[in-house]
């Protein structure tokens, strides 16, 4: 199975995107993509049904490795069959390097 990926510049150009940040809570609160919902990779098993938030869900981490693993896992869950999970290549680290807005704290807003 191949996982779709999107670059930071392509991702930044999207409107009304649904984003799950799979970094740990301490990483998330220090800075995340505005609107991203935090479900840490370490807590993902058992919380998969929380991830079916729309037809396309973008998954991000710090650099792209954990989010790629999360996409692979979520793509195997039968109850999420109608959702496409797309890995954000470069992750939050590249998002910050490219100068995009960052939200701090523990909320998705």
C-alpha atoms as a PDB file:
ATOM      1  CA  UNK A   1       0.000   0.000   0.000  1.00  0.00           C
ATOM      2  CA  UNK A   2       1.339   3.421  -0.864  1.00  0.00           C
ATOM      3  CA  UNK A   3       0.613   6.434   1.291  1.00  0.00           C
ATOM      4  CA  UNK A   4      -0.054   9.765  -0.384  1.00  0.00           C
ATOM      5  CA  UNK A   5       2.141  12.679   0.651  1.00  0.00           C
ATOM      6  CA  UNK A   6       1.873  16.423   0.280  1.00  0.00           C
ATOM      7  CA  UNK A   7       4.616  19.027   0.539  1.00  0.00           C
ATOM      8  CA  UNK A   8       4.496  21.832   3.080  1.00  0.00           C
ATOM      9  CA  UNK A   9       3.956  24.446   0.367  1.00  0.00           C
ATOM     10  CA  UNK A  10       1.036  22.474  -1.117  1.00  0.00           C
ATOM     11  CA  UNK A  11      -0.380  21.859   2.355  1.00  0.00           C
ATOM     12  CA  UNK A  12      -0.110  25.556   3.293  1.00  0.00           C
ATOM     13  CA  UNK A  13      -2.129  26.516   0.217  1.00  0.00           C
ATOM     14  CA  UNK A  14      -5.128  24.408   1.256  1.00  0.00           C
ATOM     15  CA  UNK A  15      -8.234  25.914   2.823  1.00  0.00           C
ATOM     16  CA  UNK A  16     -10.388  24.161   5.439  1.00  0.00           C
ATOM     17  CA  UNK A  17      -7.969  21.284   5.928  1.00  0.00           C
ATOM     18  CA  UNK A  18      -8.433  18.677   8.649  1.00  0.00           C
ATOM     19  CA  UNK A  19      -5.128  17.993  10.423  1.00  0.00           C
ATOM     20  CA  UNK A  20      -4.082  15.447  13.020  1.00  0.00           C
ATOM     21  CA  UNK A  21      -0.732  16.059  14.737  1.00  0.00           C
ATOM     22  CA  UNK A  22       0.686  12.748  15.972  1.00  0.00           C
ATOM     23  CA  UNK A  23       3.525  14.245  18.007  1.00  0.00           C
ATOM     24  CA  UNK A  24       3.560  13.847  21.775  1.00  0.00           C
ATOM     25  CA  UNK A  25       1.630  16.431  23.806  1.00  0.00           C
ATOM     26  CA  UNK A  26       4.789  18.235  24.976  1.00  0.00           C
ATOM     27  CA  UNK A  27       5.865  18.710  21.347  1.00  0.00           C
ATOM     28  CA  UNK A  28       2.396  19.792  20.244  1.00  0.00           C
ATOM     29  CA  UNK A  29       1.969  22.507  22.910  1.00  0.00           C
ATOM     30  CA  UNK A  30       5.273  24.158  21.978  1.00  0.00           C
ATOM     31  CA  UNK A  31       3.975  24.869  18.473  1.00  0.00           C
ATOM     32  CA  UNK A  32       1.629  23.278  15.943  1.00  0.00           C
ATOM     33  CA  UNK A  33      -0.189  24.003  12.702  1.00  0.00           C
ATOM     34  CA  UNK A  34      -3.265  26.121  13.527  1.00  0.00           C
ATOM     35  CA  UNK A  35      -6.324  23.913  13.838  1.00  0.00           C
ATOM     36  CA  UNK A  36      -4.375  20.661  14.227  1.00  0.00           C
ATOM     37  CA  UNK A  37      -5.851  18.099  16.589  1.00  0.00           C
ATOM     38  CA  UNK A  38      -3.357  16.227  18.751  1.00  0.00           C
ATOM     39  CA  UNK A  39      -3.581  12.436  18.866  1.00  0.00           C
ATOM     40  CA  UNK A  40      -0.087  11.212  19.693  1.00  0.00           C
ATOM     41  CA  UNK A  41       1.203   8.215  17.744  1.00  0.00           C
ATOM     42  CA  UNK A  42       1.836   6.482  21.080  1.00  0.00           C
ATOM     43  CA  UNK A  43      -1.909   6.767  21.824  1.00  0.00           C
ATOM     44  CA  UNK A  44      -3.245   6.111  18.332  1.00  0.00           C
ATOM     45  CA  UNK A  45      -4.118   2.442  18.818  1.00  0.00           C
ATOM     46  CA  UNK A  46      -7.548   2.460  20.382  1.00  0.00           C
ATOM     47  CA  UNK A  47      -8.297   6.025  19.249  1.00  0.00           C
ATOM     48  CA  UNK A  48      -8.543   5.346  15.522  1.00  0.00           C
ATOM     49  CA  UNK A  49     -12.249   6.140  15.331  1.00  0.00           C
ATOM     50  CA  UNK A  50     -11.456   9.713  16.455  1.00  0.00           C
ATOM     51  CA  UNK A  51      -9.495  10.139  13.219  1.00  0.00           C
ATOM     52  CA  UNK A  52     -12.330   9.778  10.695  1.00  0.00           C
ATOM     53  CA  UNK A  53     -12.960  13.519  10.680  1.00  0.00           C
ATOM     54  CA  UNK A  54     -13.689  13.957   6.998  1.00  0.00           C
ATOM     55  CA  UNK A  55     -13.051  12.487   3.553  1.00  0.00           C
ATOM     56  CA  UNK A  56      -9.423  13.706   3.591  1.00  0.00           C
ATOM     57  CA  UNK A  57      -7.341  14.006   6.751  1.00  0.00           C
ATOM     58  CA  UNK A  58      -3.780  15.330   6.731  1.00  0.00           C
ATOM     59  CA  UNK A  59      -1.419  13.788   9.264  1.00  0.00           C
ATOM     60  CA  UNK A  60       1.635  15.684  10.502  1.00  0.00           C
ATOM     61  CA  UNK A  61       4.465  15.123  12.986  1.00  0.00           C
ATOM     62  CA  UNK A  62       7.840  16.797  13.421  1.00  0.00           C
ATOM     63  CA  UNK A  63       9.574  15.618  10.235  1.00  0.00           C
ATOM     64  CA  UNK A  64       7.262  13.133   8.493  1.00  0.00           C
ATOM     65  CA  UNK A  65       8.244   9.712   9.849  1.00  0.00           C
ATOM     66  CA  UNK A  66       5.681   9.245  12.604  1.00  0.00           C
ATOM     67  CA  UNK A  67       2.910  10.704  10.478  1.00  0.00           C
ATOM     68  CA  UNK A  68       3.779   8.292   7.676  1.00  0.00           C
ATOM     69  CA  UNK A  69       3.477   5.372  10.121  1.00  0.00           C
ATOM     70  CA  UNK A  70       0.178   6.778  11.417  1.00  0.00           C
ATOM     71  CA  UNK A  71      -1.209   7.067   7.872  1.00  0.00           C
ATOM     72  CA  UNK A  72      -0.210   3.487   7.172  1.00  0.00           C
ATOM     73  CA  UNK A  73      -1.939   2.244  10.308  1.00  0.00           C
ATOM     74  CA  UNK A  74      -5.091   4.326   9.886  1.00  0.00           C
ATOM     75  CA  UNK A  75      -5.431   3.199   6.270  1.00  0.00           C
ATOM     76  CA  UNK A  76      -5.883  -0.396   7.477  1.00  0.00           C
ATOM     77  CA  UNK A  77      -8.806   0.316   9.820  1.00  0.00           C
ATOM     78  CA  UNK A  78     -12.092  -0.920   8.275  1.00  0.00           C
ATOM     79  CA  UNK A  79     -14.251   1.719   9.982  1.00  0.00           C
ATOM     80  CA  UNK A  80     -12.108   4.451   8.360  1.00  0.00           C
ATOM     81  CA  UNK A  81     -12.439   3.048   4.837  1.00  0.00           C
ATOM     82  CA  UNK A  82     -14.061   6.243   3.492  1.00  0.00           C
ATOM     83  CA  UNK A  83     -11.245   8.475   4.757  1.00  0.00           C
ATOM     84  CA  UNK A  84      -8.012   9.172   2.892  1.00  0.00           C
ATOM     85  CA  UNK A  85      -5.033   9.909   5.139  1.00  0.00           C
ATOM     86  CA  UNK A  86      -2.287  12.034   3.588  1.00  0.00           C
ATOM     87  CA  UNK A  87       1.166  12.428   5.105  1.00  0.00           C
ATOM     88  CA  UNK A  88       2.523  15.969   5.386  1.00  0.00           C
ATOM     89  CA  UNK A  89       6.138  15.535   4.246  1.00  0.00           C
ATOM     90  CA  UNK A  90       8.614  17.662   6.182  1.00  0.00           C
ATOM     91  CA  UNK A  91       6.292  17.986   9.130  1.00  0.00           C
ATOM     92  CA  UNK A  92       5.954  20.770  11.635  1.00  0.00           C
ATOM     93  CA  UNK A  93       9.695  21.391  11.531  1.00  0.00           C
ATOM     94  CA  UNK A  94       9.533  22.372   7.862  1.00  0.00           C
ATOM     95  CA  UNK A  95       6.273  24.261   8.448  1.00  0.00           C
ATOM     96  CA  UNK A  96       8.134  26.468  10.944  1.00  0.00           C
ATOM     97  CA  UNK A  97      11.259  26.785   8.751  1.00  0.00           C
ATOM     98  CA  UNK A  98       9.076  28.034   5.882  1.00  0.00           C
ATOM     99  CA  UNK A  99       7.675  30.744   8.171  1.00  0.00           C
ATOM    100  CA  UNK A 100       4.065  29.619   8.491  1.00  0.00           C
ATOM    101  CA  UNK A 101       1.872  30.545  11.448  1.00  0.00           C
ATOM    102  CA  UNK A 102       2.192  28.387  14.571  1.00  0.00           C
ATOM    103  CA  UNK A 103      -0.244  28.008  17.453  1.00  0.00           C
ATOM    104  CA  UNK A 104       1.025  27.216  20.951  1.00  0.00           C
ATOM    105  CA  UNK A 105      -0.864  25.603  23.812  1.00  0.00           C
ATOM    106  CA  UNK A 106      -3.026  22.539  24.055  1.00  0.00           C
ATOM    107  CA  UNK A 107      -5.975  23.500  21.869  1.00  0.00           C
ATOM    108  CA  UNK A 108      -6.608  23.052  18.181  1.00  0.00           C
ATOM    109  CA  UNK A 109      -7.653  26.671  17.596  1.00  0.00           C
END
